[in-house]
Amino acid sequence: MPKRLLIVAHAPSPNTARLLESAEHGARDSRIEGVEVVVKRPLEAGPDDIRGCDAILLGTPENLGYMSGALKDFFDRSYYDVLEETQGLPCALYVRAGRDGTGTRRAVESITTGLRWRWVQEPLILRGEWQEAFVDQVEELAMTMAAGLEAGVL
């Protein structure tokens, strides 16, 4: 049975949509076999999606120094339903931060700590003015997660 990587990302702008596309592209790299990639918007994802995955990649823009309302809604609807069932779930995060991303990172880390999820990489904070390198960084993050699932190291 293939491992499942769930990507839950809010992408309200053209640039954040590019980041989500690059995450999906990286996770679906042709060299990686045996990993099913499921991509959902936060308002479409819920507890069953979390229960059904082997790792999760979260993506959000920084909104007023916090995660997007859509990602917060995803956590609000899922937290208690999966609290005892998904401890140790490998997770990673990317944040498109117009400023420094600190508040966003802290908020997501607080929730994932409560869930007892396991970080597989430091959160990727894409700070400041838009840079084309952000696309490659997110693609590499997703590819690394999918390859880690395939190899059984996550």
Protein backbone atom coordinates (compact mmCIF):
# COMPACT_ATOMS: atom_id res chain seq x y z
CA MET A 1 0.00 0.00 0.00
CA PRO A 2 1.48 3.39 -0.96
CA LYS A 3 2.29 5.97 1.68
CA ARG A 4 0.19 9.14 1.53
CA LEU A 5 1.52 12.69 1.73
CA LEU A 6 -1.18 15.25 2.46
CA ILE A 7 -0.52 18.83 1.37
CA VAL A 8 -2.83 21.37 3.01
CA ALA A 9 -2.11 24.89 1.85
CA HIS A 10 -3.96 28.17 1.57
CA ALA A 11 -3.14 29.89 -1.72
CA PRO A 12 -5.22 33.05 -2.14
CA SER A 13 -2.81 34.92 -4.44
CA PRO A 14 -1.02 34.12 -7.70
CA ASN A 15 2.31 33.76 -5.85
CA THR A 16 0.95 31.48 -3.13
CA ALA A 17 -0.80 29.45 -5.85
CA ARG A 18 2.61 29.02 -7.51
CA LEU A 19 4.03 27.79 -4.21
CA LEU A 20 1.25 25.23 -3.86
CA GLU A 21 1.78 24.07 -7.46
CA SER A 22 5.50 23.71 -6.81
CA ALA A 23 4.83 21.69 -3.65
CA GLU A 24 2.61 19.33 -5.59
CA HIS A 25 5.14 19.11 -8.42
CA GLY A 26 7.98 18.29 -6.02
CA ALA A 27 5.94 15.68 -4.14
CA ARG A 28 4.95 14.02 -7.43
CA ASP A 29 8.52 13.87 -8.76
CA SER A 30 8.75 11.00 -11.26
CA ARG A 31 11.67 9.46 -9.38
CA ILE A 32 9.51 8.90 -6.31
CA GLU A 33 7.30 5.83 -6.42
CA GLY A 34 4.96 4.41 -3.85
CA VAL A 35 3.78 7.77 -2.49
CA GLU A 36 0.29 9.03 -3.12
CA VAL A 37 0.01 12.82 -2.98
CA VAL A 38 -3.26 14.40 -1.87
CA VAL A 39 -3.60 18.18 -2.18
CA LYS A 40 -6.39 19.98 -0.38
CA ARG A 41 -7.27 23.54 0.44
CA PRO A 42 -7.65 24.08 4.19
CA LEU A 43 -11.40 24.65 3.96
CA GLU A 44 -11.78 21.31 2.12
CA ALA A 45 -9.57 19.23 4.43
CA GLY A 46 -10.49 17.73 7.76
CA PRO A 47 -9.87 15.02 10.32
CA ASP A 48 -10.37 12.11 7.92
CA ASP A 49 -7.69 13.50 5.63
CA ILE A 50 -5.26 13.74 8.53
CA ARG A 51 -6.08 10.22 9.72
CA GLY A 52 -5.55 8.92 6.19
CA CYS A 53 -2.07 10.36 5.66
CA ASP A 54 1.43 9.29 6.63
CA ALA A 55 2.87 12.83 6.60
CA ILE A 56 1.52 16.35 6.18
CA LEU A 57 2.92 19.47 4.54
CA LEU A 58 1.24 22.72 5.57
CA GLY A 59 1.41 25.96 3.64
CA THR A 60 0.11 29.41 4.54
CA PRO A 61 0.63 33.07 3.86
CA GLU A 62 1.41 35.30 6.82
CA ASN A 63 -1.75 37.26 7.60
CA LEU A 64 -1.39 40.03 10.17
CA GLY A 65 1.48 38.14 11.76
CA TYR A 66 -0.53 34.90 11.96
CA MET A 67 -1.47 31.91 9.81
CA SER A 68 -4.30 32.30 7.33
CA GLY A 69 -7.82 32.10 8.69
CA ALA A 70 -8.43 29.11 6.42
CA LEU A 71 -5.54 27.13 7.92
CA LYS A 72 -6.68 28.09 11.44
CA ASP A 73 -10.17 26.86 10.52
CA PHE A 74 -8.66 23.54 9.38
CA PHE A 75 -6.98 23.13 12.76
CA ASP A 76 -10.11 24.24 14.64
CA ARG A 77 -12.23 21.61 12.87
CA SER A 78 -9.65 18.83 13.18
CA TYR A 79 -7.69 19.26 16.41
CA TYR A 80 -9.73 17.37 18.96
CA ASP A 81 -10.87 14.71 16.49
CA VAL A 82 -7.28 13.65 15.74
CA LEU A 83 -5.54 14.60 18.99
CA GLU A 84 -5.11 11.05 20.28
CA GLU A 85 -4.82 9.37 16.87
CA THR A 86 -2.05 11.16 15.00
CA GLN A 87 0.73 11.62 17.52
CA GLY A 88 4.12 11.44 15.83
CA LEU A 89 2.72 12.42 12.41
CA PRO A 90 5.64 13.79 10.34
CA CYS A 91 4.95 17.40 9.39
CA ALA A 92 6.55 20.39 7.72
CA LEU A 93 5.49 23.97 7.02
CA TYR A 94 6.15 26.70 4.54
CA VAL A 95 5.10 30.31 5.15
CA ARG A 96 4.98 33.06 2.56
CA ALA A 97 5.81 35.96 4.87
CA GLY A 98 5.78 39.54 3.73
CA ARG A 99 7.42 40.42 7.03
CA ASP A 100 9.31 37.97 9.24
CA GLY A 101 6.90 35.04 9.67
CA THR A 102 7.70 34.64 13.35
CA GLY A 103 4.12 34.88 14.62
CA THR A 104 2.86 32.53 11.95
CA ARG A 105 5.54 29.96 12.71
CA ARG A 106 4.93 30.21 16.45
CA ALA A 107 1.17 29.77 16.03
CA VAL A 108 1.47 26.66 13.83
CA GLU A 109 4.19 25.19 16.06
CA SER A 110 1.99 25.69 19.10
CA ILE A 111 -0.85 23.73 17.52
CA THR A 112 1.35 20.96 16.15
CA THR A 113 3.11 20.65 19.52
CA GLY A 114 -0.29 20.13 21.13
CA LEU A 115 -1.06 17.46 18.55
CA ARG A 116 2.39 15.95 19.20
CA TRP A 117 3.24 15.93 15.52
CA ARG A 118 6.90 15.49 14.61
CA TRP A 119 8.72 18.16 12.61
CA VAL A 120 10.85 16.68 9.84
CA GLN A 121 12.42 20.03 8.93
CA GLU A 122 12.56 23.51 10.35
CA PRO A 123 9.65 25.58 9.00
CA LEU A 124 10.53 27.21 5.69
CA ILE A 125 9.89 30.94 6.02
CA LEU A 126 9.86 32.73 2.65
CA ARG A 127 10.47 36.30 3.84
CA GLY A 128 10.24 39.71 2.26
CA GLU A 129 9.72 40.64 -1.36
CA TRP A 130 8.78 37.84 -3.74
CA GLN A 131 11.73 35.84 -5.06
CA GLU A 132 11.61 33.18 -7.76
CA ALA A 133 13.83 31.02 -5.53
CA PHE A 134 10.82 30.53 -3.23
CA VAL A 135 9.26 28.23 -5.84
CA ASP A 136 12.31 25.97 -5.89
CA GLN A 137 12.59 25.93 -2.10
CA VAL A 138 9.00 24.75 -1.66
CA GLU A 139 9.39 22.17 -4.43
CA GLU A 140 12.51 20.80 -2.73
CA LEU A 141 10.74 20.67 0.65
CA ALA A 142 7.83 18.65 -0.78
CA MET A 143 10.15 16.38 -2.78
CA THR A 144 12.21 15.70 0.34
CA MET A 145 9.10 14.78 2.31
CA ALA A 146 7.82 12.44 -0.40
CA ALA A 147 11.25 10.82 -0.81
CA GLY A 148 11.49 10.39 2.96
CA LEU A 149 8.13 8.65 2.99
CA GLU A 150 9.19 6.42 0.11
CA ALA A 151 12.43 5.51 1.88
CA GLY A 152 10.65 4.84 5.16
CA VAL A 153 12.67 7.39 7.13
CA LEU A 154 9.78 9.70 8.06
